[in-house]
mmCIF file of all heavy atoms, coordinates in Angstrom:
data_MODEL
# 
_entry.id   MODEL 
# 
loop_
_atom_site.group_PDB 
_atom_site.id 
_atom_site.type_symbol 
_atom_site.label_atom_id 
_atom_site.label_alt_id 
_atom_site.label_comp_id 
_atom_site.label_asym_id 
_atom_site.label_entity_id 
_atom_site.label_seq_id 
_atom_site.pdbx_PDB_ins_code 
_atom_site.Cartn_x 
_atom_site.Cartn_y 
_atom_site.Cartn_z 
_atom_site.occupancy 
_atom_site.B_iso_or_equiv 
_atom_site.pdbx_formal_charge 
_atom_site.auth_seq_id 
_atom_site.auth_comp_id 
_atom_site.auth_asym_id 
_atom_site.auth_atom_id 
_atom_site.pdbx_PDB_model_num 
ATOM 1   N N   . VAL A 1 1  ? 112.027 97.909  108.798 1.00 0.00 ? 1  VAL A N   1 
ATOM 2   C CA  . VAL A 1 1  ? 111.440 98.844  108.000 1.00 0.00 ? 1  VAL A CA  1 
ATOM 3   C C   . VAL A 1 1  ? 111.197 98.211  106.626 1.00 0.00 ? 1  VAL A C   1 
ATOM 4   O O   . VAL A 1 1  ? 112.026 97.390  106.251 1.00 0.00 ? 1  VAL A O   1 
ATOM 5   C CB  . VAL A 1 1  ? 112.259 100.122 107.908 1.00 0.00 ? 1  VAL A CB  1 
ATOM 6   C CG1 . VAL A 1 1  ? 113.577 99.874  107.193 1.00 0.00 ? 1  VAL A CG1 1 
ATOM 7   C CG2 . VAL A 1 1  ? 111.481 101.215 107.066 1.00 0.00 ? 1  VAL A CG2 1 
ATOM 8   N N   . TYR A 1 2  ? 110.135 98.607  105.911 1.00 0.00 ? 2  TYR A N   1 
ATOM 9   C CA  . TYR A 1 2  ? 109.692 97.975  104.688 1.00 0.00 ? 2  TYR A CA  1 
ATOM 10  C C   . TYR A 1 2  ? 109.531 99.008  103.598 1.00 0.00 ? 2  TYR A C   1 
ATOM 11  O O   . TYR A 1 2  ? 109.332 100.212 103.896 1.00 0.00 ? 2  TYR A O   1 
ATOM 12  C CB  . TYR A 1 2  ? 108.398 97.300  104.896 1.00 0.00 ? 2  TYR A CB  1 
ATOM 13  C CG  . TYR A 1 2  ? 108.340 96.233  105.974 1.00 0.00 ? 2  TYR A CG  1 
ATOM 14  C CD1 . TYR A 1 2  ? 107.808 96.564  107.218 1.00 0.00 ? 2  TYR A CD1 1 
ATOM 15  C CD2 . TYR A 1 2  ? 108.837 94.918  105.803 1.00 0.00 ? 2  TYR A CD2 1 
ATOM 16  C CE1 . TYR A 1 2  ? 107.801 95.635  108.208 1.00 0.00 ? 2  TYR A CE1 1 
ATOM 17  C CE2 . TYR A 1 2  ? 108.732 94.003  106.759 1.00 0.00 ? 2  TYR A CE2 1 
ATOM 18  C CZ  . TYR A 1 2  ? 108.261 94.372  108.016 1.00 0.00 ? 2  TYR A CZ  1 
ATOM 19  O OH  . TYR A 1 2  ? 108.241 93.474  108.985 1.00 0.00 ? 2  TYR A OH  1 
ATOM 20  N N   . LEU A 1 3  ? 109.743 98.585  102.408 1.00 0.00 ? 3  LEU A N   1 
ATOM 21  C CA  . LEU A 1 3  ? 109.483 99.358  101.255 1.00 0.00 ? 3  LEU A CA  1 
ATOM 22  C C   . LEU A 1 3  ? 108.637 98.537  100.295 1.00 0.00 ? 3  LEU A C   1 
ATOM 23  O O   . LEU A 1 3  ? 109.140 97.624  99.652  1.00 0.00 ? 3  LEU A O   1 
ATOM 24  C CB  . LEU A 1 3  ? 110.681 99.925  100.548 1.00 0.00 ? 3  LEU A CB  1 
ATOM 25  C CG  . LEU A 1 3  ? 110.437 100.837 99.403  1.00 0.00 ? 3  LEU A CG  1 
ATOM 26  C CD1 . LEU A 1 3  ? 109.867 102.143 99.898  1.00 0.00 ? 3  LEU A CD1 1 
ATOM 27  C CD2 . LEU A 1 3  ? 111.751 101.079 98.604  1.00 0.00 ? 3  LEU A CD2 1 
ATOM 28  N N   . GLN A 1 4  ? 107.328 98.779  100.310 1.00 0.00 ? 4  GLN A N   1 
ATOM 29  C CA  . GLN A 1 4  ? 106.408 98.059  99.339  1.00 0.00 ? 4  GLN A CA  1 
ATOM 30  C C   . GLN A 1 4  ? 106.463 98.796  98.025  1.00 0.00 ? 4  GLN A C   1 
ATOM 31  O O   . GLN A 1 4  ? 106.158 99.999  97.970  1.00 0.00 ? 4  GLN A O   1 
ATOM 32  C CB  . GLN A 1 4  ? 104.995 98.087  99.950  1.00 0.00 ? 4  GLN A CB  1 
ATOM 33  C CG  . GLN A 1 4  ? 103.991 97.438  98.960  1.00 0.00 ? 4  GLN A CG  1 
ATOM 34  C CD  . GLN A 1 4  ? 104.256 95.914  98.812  1.00 0.00 ? 4  GLN A CD  1 
ATOM 35  O OE1 . GLN A 1 4  ? 104.470 95.244  99.746  1.00 0.00 ? 4  GLN A OE1 1 
ATOM 36  N NE2 . GLN A 1 4  ? 104.215 95.426  97.602  1.00 0.00 ? 4  GLN A NE2 1 
ATOM 37  N N   . MET A 1 5  ? 106.879 98.130  96.989  1.00 0.00 ? 5  MET A N   1 
ATOM 38  C CA  . MET A 1 5  ? 107.047 98.708  95.640  1.00 0.00 ? 5  MET A CA  1 
ATOM 39  C C   . MET A 1 5  ? 106.065 98.072  94.717  1.00 0.00 ? 5  MET A C   1 
ATOM 40  O O   . MET A 1 5  ? 106.076 96.765  94.468  1.00 0.00 ? 5  MET A O   1 
ATOM 41  C CB  . MET A 1 5  ? 108.415 98.518  95.099  1.00 0.00 ? 5  MET A CB  1 
ATOM 42  C CG  . MET A 1 5  ? 109.498 99.082  96.109  1.00 0.00 ? 5  MET A CG  1 
ATOM 43  S SD  . MET A 1 5  ? 111.138 98.976  95.473  1.00 0.00 ? 5  MET A SD  1 
ATOM 44  C CE  . MET A 1 5  ? 111.387 97.083  95.323  1.00 0.00 ? 5  MET A CE  1 
ATOM 45  N N   . ASN A 1 6  ? 105.171 98.869  94.192  1.00 0.00 ? 6  ASN A N   1 
ATOM 46  C CA  . ASN A 1 6  ? 104.123 98.411  93.268  1.00 0.00 ? 6  ASN A CA  1 
ATOM 47  C C   . ASN A 1 6  ? 104.258 99.033  91.856  1.00 0.00 ? 6  ASN A C   1 
ATOM 48  O O   . ASN A 1 6  ? 104.943 100.095 91.759  1.00 0.00 ? 6  ASN A O   1 
ATOM 49  C CB  . ASN A 1 6  ? 102.726 98.666  93.781  1.00 0.00 ? 6  ASN A CB  1 
ATOM 50  C CG  . ASN A 1 6  ? 102.370 97.922  95.072  1.00 0.00 ? 6  ASN A CG  1 
ATOM 51  O OD1 . ASN A 1 6  ? 102.939 96.808  95.288  1.00 0.00 ? 6  ASN A OD1 1 
ATOM 52  N ND2 . ASN A 1 6  ? 101.656 98.617  95.911  1.00 0.00 ? 6  ASN A ND2 1 
ATOM 53  N N   . SER A 1 7  ? 103.638 98.439  90.878  1.00 0.00 ? 7  SER A N   1 
ATOM 54  C CA  . SER A 1 7  ? 103.753 98.977  89.532  1.00 0.00 ? 7  SER A CA  1 
ATOM 55  C C   . SER A 1 7  ? 105.131 99.319  89.058  1.00 0.00 ? 7  SER A C   1 
ATOM 56  O O   . SER A 1 7  ? 105.426 100.422 88.586  1.00 0.00 ? 7  SER A O   1 
ATOM 57  C CB  . SER A 1 7  ? 102.815 100.233 89.458  1.00 0.00 ? 7  SER A CB  1 
ATOM 58  O OG  . SER A 1 7  ? 101.508 100.008 89.766  1.00 0.00 ? 7  SER A OG  1 
ATOM 59  N N   . LEU A 1 8  ? 106.034 98.428  89.282  1.00 0.00 ? 8  LEU A N   1 
ATOM 60  C CA  . LEU A 1 8  ? 107.387 98.641  89.067  1.00 0.00 ? 8  LEU A CA  1 
ATOM 61  C C   . LEU A 1 8  ? 107.634 98.762  87.472  1.00 0.00 ? 8  LEU A C   1 
ATOM 62  O O   . LEU A 1 8  ? 107.001 98.156  86.683  1.00 0.00 ? 8  LEU A O   1 
ATOM 63  C CB  . LEU A 1 8  ? 108.255 97.498  89.584  1.00 0.00 ? 8  LEU A CB  1 
ATOM 64  C CG  . LEU A 1 8  ? 108.361 97.463  91.066  1.00 0.00 ? 8  LEU A CG  1 
ATOM 65  C CD1 . LEU A 1 8  ? 108.852 96.062  91.618  1.00 0.00 ? 8  LEU A CD1 1 
ATOM 66  C CD2 . LEU A 1 8  ? 109.470 98.545  91.463  1.00 0.00 ? 8  LEU A CD2 1 
ATOM 67  N N   . THR A 1 9  ? 108.594 99.650  87.203  1.00 0.00 ? 9  THR A N   1 
ATOM 68  C CA  . THR A 1 9  ? 109.026 99.835  85.819  1.00 0.00 ? 9  THR A CA  1 
ATOM 69  C C   . THR A 1 9  ? 110.508 99.599  85.710  1.00 0.00 ? 9  THR A C   1 
ATOM 70  O O   . THR A 1 9  ? 111.155 99.595  86.735  1.00 0.00 ? 9  THR A O   1 
ATOM 71  C CB  . THR A 1 9  ? 108.773 101.232 85.335  1.00 0.00 ? 9  THR A CB  1 
ATOM 72  O OG1 . THR A 1 9  ? 109.626 102.211 85.914  1.00 0.00 ? 9  THR A OG1 1 
ATOM 73  C CG2 . THR A 1 9  ? 107.312 101.625 85.713  1.00 0.00 ? 9  THR A CG2 1 
ATOM 74  N N   . PRO A 1 10 ? 111.079 99.437  84.507  1.00 0.00 ? 10 PRO A N   1 
ATOM 75  C CA  . PRO A 1 10 ? 112.550 99.276  84.376  1.00 0.00 ? 10 PRO A CA  1 
ATOM 76  C C   . PRO A 1 10 ? 113.349 100.411 84.962  1.00 0.00 ? 10 PRO A C   1 
ATOM 77  O O   . PRO A 1 10 ? 114.522 100.266 85.381  1.00 0.00 ? 10 PRO A O   1 
ATOM 78  C CB  . PRO A 1 10 ? 112.789 99.093  82.827  1.00 0.00 ? 10 PRO A CB  1 
ATOM 79  C CG  . PRO A 1 10 ? 111.469 98.548  82.398  1.00 0.00 ? 10 PRO A CG  1 
ATOM 80  C CD  . PRO A 1 10 ? 110.421 99.163  83.251  1.00 0.00 ? 10 PRO A CD  1 
ATOM 81  N N   . GLU A 1 11 ? 112.748 101.674 84.979  1.00 0.00 ? 11 GLU A N   1 
ATOM 82  C CA  . GLU A 1 11 ? 113.440 102.771 85.664  1.00 0.00 ? 11 GLU A CA  1 
ATOM 83  C C   . GLU A 1 11 ? 113.633 102.595 87.111  1.00 0.00 ? 11 GLU A C   1 
ATOM 84  O O   . GLU A 1 11 ? 114.441 103.360 87.715  1.00 0.00 ? 11 GLU A O   1 
ATOM 85  C CB  . GLU A 1 11 ? 112.648 103.988 85.349  1.00 0.00 ? 11 GLU A CB  1 
ATOM 86  C CG  . GLU A 1 11 ? 112.547 104.421 83.833  1.00 0.00 ? 11 GLU A CG  1 
ATOM 87  C CD  . GLU A 1 11 ? 113.924 104.592 83.223  1.00 0.00 ? 11 GLU A CD  1 
ATOM 88  O OE1 . GLU A 1 11 ? 114.746 105.288 83.861  1.00 0.00 ? 11 GLU A OE1 1 
ATOM 89  O OE2 . GLU A 1 11 ? 114.167 104.132 82.123  1.00 0.00 ? 11 GLU A OE2 1 
ATOM 90  N N   . ASP A 1 12 ? 112.938 101.670 87.711  1.00 0.00 ? 12 ASP A N   1 
ATOM 91  C CA  . ASP A 1 12 ? 113.143 101.371 89.190  1.00 0.00 ? 12 ASP A CA  1 
ATOM 92  C C   . ASP A 1 12 ? 114.336 100.462 89.415  1.00 0.00 ? 12 ASP A C   1 
ATOM 93  O O   . ASP A 1 12 ? 114.618 100.222 90.594  1.00 0.00 ? 12 ASP A O   1 
ATOM 94  C CB  . ASP A 1 12 ? 111.875 100.834 89.741  1.00 0.00 ? 12 ASP A CB  1 
ATOM 95  C CG  . ASP A 1 12 ? 110.706 101.758 89.721  1.00 0.00 ? 12 ASP A CG  1 
ATOM 96  O OD1 . ASP A 1 12 ? 110.848 102.958 90.008  1.00 0.00 ? 12 ASP A OD1 1 
ATOM 97  O OD2 . ASP A 1 12 ? 109.616 101.288 89.361  1.00 0.00 ? 12 ASP A OD2 1 
ATOM 98  N N   . THR A 1 13 ? 114.924 99.881  88.385  1.00 0.00 ? 13 THR A N   1 
ATOM 99  C CA  . THR A 1 13 ? 116.069 99.044  88.568  1.00 0.00 ? 13 THR A CA  1 
ATOM 100 C C   . THR A 1 13 ? 117.148 99.758  89.249  1.00 0.00 ? 13 THR A C   1 
ATOM 101 O O   . THR A 1 13 ? 117.614 100.779 88.708  1.00 0.00 ? 13 THR A O   1 
ATOM 102 C CB  . THR A 1 13 ? 116.429 98.427  87.173  1.00 0.00 ? 13 THR A CB  1 
ATOM 103 O OG1 . THR A 1 13 ? 115.384 97.606  86.654  1.00 0.00 ? 13 THR A OG1 1 
ATOM 104 C CG2 . THR A 1 13 ? 117.747 97.602  87.384  1.00 0.00 ? 13 THR A CG2 1 
ATOM 105 N N   . ALA A 1 14 ? 117.645 99.247  90.287  1.00 0.00 ? 14 ALA A N   1 
ATOM 106 C CA  . ALA A 1 14 ? 118.728 99.894  91.108  1.00 0.00 ? 14 ALA A CA  1 
ATOM 107 C C   . ALA A 1 14 ? 119.112 99.058  92.220  1.00 0.00 ? 14 ALA A C   1 
ATOM 108 O O   . ALA A 1 14 ? 118.392 98.125  92.628  1.00 0.00 ? 14 ALA A O   1 
ATOM 109 C CB  . ALA A 1 14 ? 118.309 101.336 91.584  1.00 0.00 ? 14 ALA A CB  1 
ATOM 110 N N   . GLU A 1 15 ? 120.185 99.375  92.893  1.00 0.00 ? 15 GLU A N   1 
ATOM 111 C CA  . GLU A 1 15 ? 120.489 98.819  94.173  1.00 0.00 ? 15 GLU A CA  1 
ATOM 112 C C   . GLU A 1 15 ? 119.840 99.658  95.273  1.00 0.00 ? 15 GLU A C   1 
ATOM 113 O O   . GLU A 1 15 ? 119.992 100.900 95.211  1.00 0.00 ? 15 GLU A O   1 
ATOM 114 C CB  . GLU A 1 15 ? 122.068 98.782  94.438  1.00 0.00 ? 15 GLU A CB  1 
ATOM 115 C CG  . GLU A 1 15 ? 122.412 97.994  95.687  1.00 0.00 ? 15 GLU A CG  1 
ATOM 116 C CD  . GLU A 1 15 ? 123.831 97.732  95.756  1.00 0.00 ? 15 GLU A CD  1 
ATOM 117 O OE1 . GLU A 1 15 ? 124.618 98.281  95.057  1.00 0.00 ? 15 GLU A OE1 1 
ATOM 118 O OE2 . GLU A 1 15 ? 124.237 96.861  96.649  1.00 0.00 ? 15 GLU A OE2 1 
ATOM 119 N N   . TYR A 1 16 ? 119.057 99.115  96.145  1.00 0.00 ? 16 TYR A N   1 
ATOM 120 C CA  . TYR A 1 16 ? 118.332 99.862  97.166  1.00 0.00 ? 16 TYR A CA  1 
ATOM 121 C C   . TYR A 1 16 ? 119.082 99.696  98.472  1.00 0.00 ? 16 TYR A C   1 
ATOM 122 O O   . TYR A 1 16 ? 119.361 98.610  98.867  1.00 0.00 ? 16 TYR A O   1 
ATOM 123 C CB  . TYR A 1 16 ? 116.911 99.362  97.172  1.00 0.00 ? 16 TYR A CB  1 
ATOM 124 C CG  . TYR A 1 16 ? 116.021 99.778  96.049  1.00 0.00 ? 16 TYR A CG  1 
ATOM 125 C CD1 . TYR A 1 16 ? 116.256 99.234  94.791  1.00 0.00 ? 16 TYR A CD1 1 
ATOM 126 C CD2 . TYR A 1 16 ? 115.017 100.744 96.337  1.00 0.00 ? 16 TYR A CD2 1 
ATOM 127 C CE1 . TYR A 1 16 ? 115.412 99.702  93.766  1.00 0.00 ? 16 TYR A CE1 1 
ATOM 128 C CE2 . TYR A 1 16 ? 114.290 101.154 95.258  1.00 0.00 ? 16 TYR A CE2 1 
ATOM 129 C CZ  . TYR A 1 16 ? 114.491 100.686 93.916  1.00 0.00 ? 16 TYR A CZ  1 
ATOM 130 O OH  . TYR A 1 16 ? 113.707 101.099 92.942  1.00 0.00 ? 16 TYR A OH  1 
ATOM 131 N N   . PHE A 1 17 ? 119.164 100.821 99.153  1.00 0.00 ? 17 PHE A N   1 
ATOM 132 C CA  . PHE A 1 17 ? 119.853 100.929 100.404 1.00 0.00 ? 17 PHE A CA  1 
ATOM 133 C C   . PHE A 1 17 ? 118.963 101.321 101.480 1.00 0.00 ? 17 PHE A C   1 
ATOM 134 O O   . PHE A 1 17 ? 118.257 102.326 101.368 1.00 0.00 ? 17 PHE A O   1 
ATOM 135 C CB  . PHE A 1 17 ? 121.019 101.854 100.347 1.00 0.00 ? 17 PHE A CB  1 
ATOM 136 C CG  . PHE A 1 17 ? 122.081 101.460 99.336  1.00 0.00 ? 17 PHE A CG  1 
ATOM 137 C CD1 . PHE A 1 17 ? 122.109 101.875 98.055  1.00 0.00 ? 17 PHE A CD1 1 
ATOM 138 C CD2 . PHE A 1 17 ? 123.198 100.670 99.830  1.00 0.00 ? 17 PHE A CD2 1 
ATOM 139 C CE1 . PHE A 1 17 ? 123.069 101.533 97.201  1.00 0.00 ? 17 PHE A CE1 1 
ATOM 140 C CE2 . PHE A 1 17 ? 124.181 100.248 98.851  1.00 0.00 ? 17 PHE A CE2 1 
ATOM 141 C CZ  . PHE A 1 17 ? 124.128 100.685 97.544  1.00 0.00 ? 17 PHE A CZ  1 
ATOM 142 N N   . CYS A 1 18 ? 119.029 100.588 102.625 1.00 0.00 ? 18 CYS A N   1 
ATOM 143 C CA  . CYS A 1 18 ? 118.261 101.059 103.851 1.00 0.00 ? 18 CYS A CA  1 
ATOM 144 C C   . CYS A 1 18 ? 119.148 101.927 104.642 1.00 0.00 ? 18 CYS A C   1 
ATOM 145 O O   . CYS A 1 18 ? 120.389 101.722 104.742 1.00 0.00 ? 18 CYS A O   1 
ATOM 146 C CB  . CYS A 1 18 ? 117.899 99.772  104.594 1.00 0.00 ? 18 CYS A CB  1 
ATOM 147 S SG  . CYS A 1 18 ? 117.091 100.109 106.244 1.00 0.00 ? 18 CYS A SG  1 
ATOM 148 N N   . THR A 1 19 ? 118.532 102.869 105.261 1.00 0.00 ? 19 THR A N   1 
ATOM 149 C CA  . THR A 1 19 ? 119.338 103.833 106.105 1.00 0.00 ? 19 THR A CA  1 
ATOM 150 C C   . THR A 1 19 ? 118.616 104.128 107.388 1.00 0.00 ? 19 THR A C   1 
ATOM 151 O O   . THR A 1 19 ? 117.405 103.988 107.530 1.00 0.00 ? 19 THR A O   1 
ATOM 152 C CB  . THR A 1 19 ? 119.611 105.150 105.391 1.00 0.00 ? 19 THR A CB  1 
ATOM 153 O OG1 . THR A 1 19 ? 118.413 105.861 105.225 1.00 0.00 ? 19 THR A OG1 1 
ATOM 154 C CG2 . THR A 1 19 ? 120.307 104.915 104.004 1.00 0.00 ? 19 THR A CG2 1 
ATOM 155 N N   . ALA A 1 20 ? 119.397 104.517 108.399 1.00 0.00 ? 20 ALA A N   1 
ATOM 156 C CA  . ALA A 1 20 ? 118.803 105.111 109.634 1.00 0.00 ? 20 ALA A CA  1 
ATOM 157 C C   . ALA A 1 20 ? 119.394 106.431 109.899 1.00 0.00 ? 20 ALA A C   1 
ATOM 158 O O   . ALA A 1 20 ? 120.630 106.659 109.760 1.00 0.00 ? 20 ALA A O   1 
ATOM 159 C CB  . ALA A 1 20 ? 119.101 104.143 110.745 1.00 0.00 ? 20 ALA A CB  1 
ATOM 160 N N   . GLY A 1 21 ? 118.629 107.343 110.351 1.00 0.00 ? 21 GLY A N   1 
ATOM 161 C CA  . GLY A 1 21 ? 119.126 108.708 110.586 1.00 0.00 ? 21 GLY A CA  1 
ATOM 162 C C   . GLY A 1 21 ? 118.132 109.567 111.253 1.00 0.00 ? 21 GLY A C   1 
ATOM 163 O O   . GLY A 1 21 ? 117.441 109.129 112.077 1.00 0.00 ? 21 GLY A O   1 
ATOM 164 N N   . ILE A 1 22 ? 118.219 110.824 110.880 1.00 0.00 ? 22 ILE A N   1 
ATOM 165 C CA  . ILE A 1 22 ? 117.395 111.828 111.530 1.00 0.00 ? 22 ILE A CA  1 
ATOM 166 C C   . ILE A 1 22 ? 116.439 112.525 110.543 1.00 0.00 ? 22 ILE A C   1 
ATOM 167 O O   . ILE A 1 22 ? 116.916 112.946 109.453 1.00 0.00 ? 22 ILE A O   1 
ATOM 168 C CB  . ILE A 1 22 ? 118.304 112.907 112.180 1.00 0.00 ? 22 ILE A CB  1 
ATOM 169 C CG1 . ILE A 1 22 ? 119.304 112.334 113.200 1.00 0.00 ? 22 ILE A CG1 1 
ATOM 170 C CG2 . ILE A 1 22 ? 117.503 114.057 112.862 1.00 0.00 ? 22 ILE A CG2 1 
ATOM 171 C CD1 . ILE A 1 22 ? 118.574 111.655 114.426 1.00 0.00 ? 22 ILE A CD1 1 
ATOM 172 N N   . MET A 1 23 ? 115.292 112.668 110.970 1.00 0.00 ? 23 MET A N   1 
ATOM 173 C CA  . MET A 1 23 ? 114.288 113.438 110.191 1.00 0.00 ? 23 MET A CA  1 
ATOM 174 C C   . MET A 1 23 ? 114.039 114.738 110.939 1.00 0.00 ? 23 MET A C   1 
ATOM 175 O O   . MET A 1 23 ? 113.468 114.698 111.999 1.00 0.00 ? 23 MET A O   1 
ATOM 176 C CB  . MET A 1 23 ? 112.974 112.628 109.915 1.00 0.00 ? 23 MET A CB  1 
ATOM 177 C CG  . MET A 1 23 ? 111.911 113.370 109.118 1.00 0.00 ? 23 MET A CG  1 
ATOM 178 S SD  . MET A 1 23 ? 110.450 112.413 108.783 1.00 0.00 ? 23 MET A SD  1 
ATOM 179 C CE  . MET A 1 23 ? 111.061 111.200 107.656 1.00 0.00 ? 23 MET A CE  1 
ATOM 180 N N   . HIS A 1 24 ? 114.209 115.838 110.326 1.00 0.00 ? 24 HIS A N   1 
ATOM 181 C CA  . HIS A 1 24 ? 113.986 117.065 110.961 1.00 0.00 ? 24 HIS A CA  1 
ATOM 182 C C   . HIS A 1 24 ? 112.545 117.594 110.650 1.00 0.00 ? 24 HIS A C   1 
ATOM 183 O O   . HIS A 1 24 ? 111.914 117.040 109.708 1.00 0.00 ? 24 HIS A O   1 
ATOM 184 C CB  . HIS A 1 24 ? 115.008 118.201 110.394 1.00 0.00 ? 24 HIS A CB  1 
ATOM 185 C CG  . HIS A 1 24 ? 116.386 117.957 110.761 1.00 0.00 ? 24 HIS A CG  1 
ATOM 186 N ND1 . HIS A 1 24 ? 117.207 117.189 110.050 1.00 0.00 ? 24 HIS A ND1 1 
ATOM 187 C CD2 . HIS A 1 24 ? 117.188 118.388 111.822 1.00 0.00 ? 24 HIS A CD2 1 
ATOM 188 C CE1 . HIS A 1 24 ? 118.404 117.173 110.551 1.00 0.00 ? 24 HIS A CE1 1 
ATOM 189 N NE2 . HIS A 1 24 ? 118.397 117.857 111.651 1.00 0.00 ? 24 HIS A NE2 1 
ATOM 190 N N   . TYR A 1 25 ? 112.084 118.457 111.486 1.00 0.00 ? 25 TYR A N   1 
ATOM 191 C CA  . TYR A 1 25 ? 110.761 118.954 111.272 1.00 0.00 ? 25 TYR A CA  1 
ATOM 192 C C   . TYR A 1 25 ? 110.536 119.655 109.940 1.00 0.00 ? 25 TYR A C   1 
ATOM 193 O O   . TYR A 1 25 ? 109.405 119.874 109.548 1.00 0.00 ? 25 TYR A O   1 
ATOM 194 C CB  . TYR A 1 25 ? 110.385 119.883 112.452 1.00 0.00 ? 25 TYR A CB  1 
ATOM 195 C CG  . TYR A 1 25 ? 110.252 119.185 113.842 1.00 0.00 ? 25 TYR A CG  1 
ATOM 196 C CD1 . TYR A 1 25 ? 111.105 119.297 114.802 1.00 0.00 ? 25 TYR A CD1 1 
ATOM 197 C CD2 . TYR A 1 25 ? 109.128 118.359 113.970 1.00 0.00 ? 25 TYR A CD2 1 
ATOM 198 C CE1 . TYR A 1 25 ? 110.968 118.628 115.999 1.00 0.00 ? 25 TYR A CE1 1 
ATOM 199 C CE2 . TYR A 1 25 ? 108.917 117.679 115.181 1.00 0.00 ? 25 TYR A CE2 1 
ATOM 200 C CZ  . TYR A 1 25 ? 109.865 117.831 116.182 1.00 0.00 ? 25 TYR A CZ  1 
ATOM 201 O OH  . TYR A 1 25 ? 109.674 117.076 117.290 1.00 0.00 ? 25 TYR A OH  1 
ATOM 202 N N   . THR A 1 26 ? 111.627 120.038 109.366 1.00 0.00 ? 26 THR A N   1 
ATOM 203 C CA  . THR A 1 26 ? 111.558 120.666 108.065 1.00 0.00 ? 26 THR A CA  1 
ATOM 204 C C   . THR A 1 26 ? 111.205 119.723 106.921 1.00 0.00 ? 26 THR A C   1 
ATOM 205 O O   . THR A 1 26 ? 111.037 120.046 105.864 1.00 0.00 ? 26 THR A O   1 
ATOM 206 C CB  . THR A 1 26 ? 112.773 121.389 107.718 1.00 0.00 ? 26 THR A CB  1 
ATOM 207 O OG1 . THR A 1 26 ? 113.871 120.439 107.717 1.00 0.00 ? 26 THR A OG1 1 
ATOM 208 C CG2 . THR A 1 26 ? 113.162 122.465 108.672 1.00 0.00 ? 26 THR A CG2 1 
# 
């Protein structure tokens, strides 16, 4: 899985975590 991040700002500074789980229809 990918996360393309464009137009980055200092507010985007963080540790990024990949997860796997369940997406409900809601």
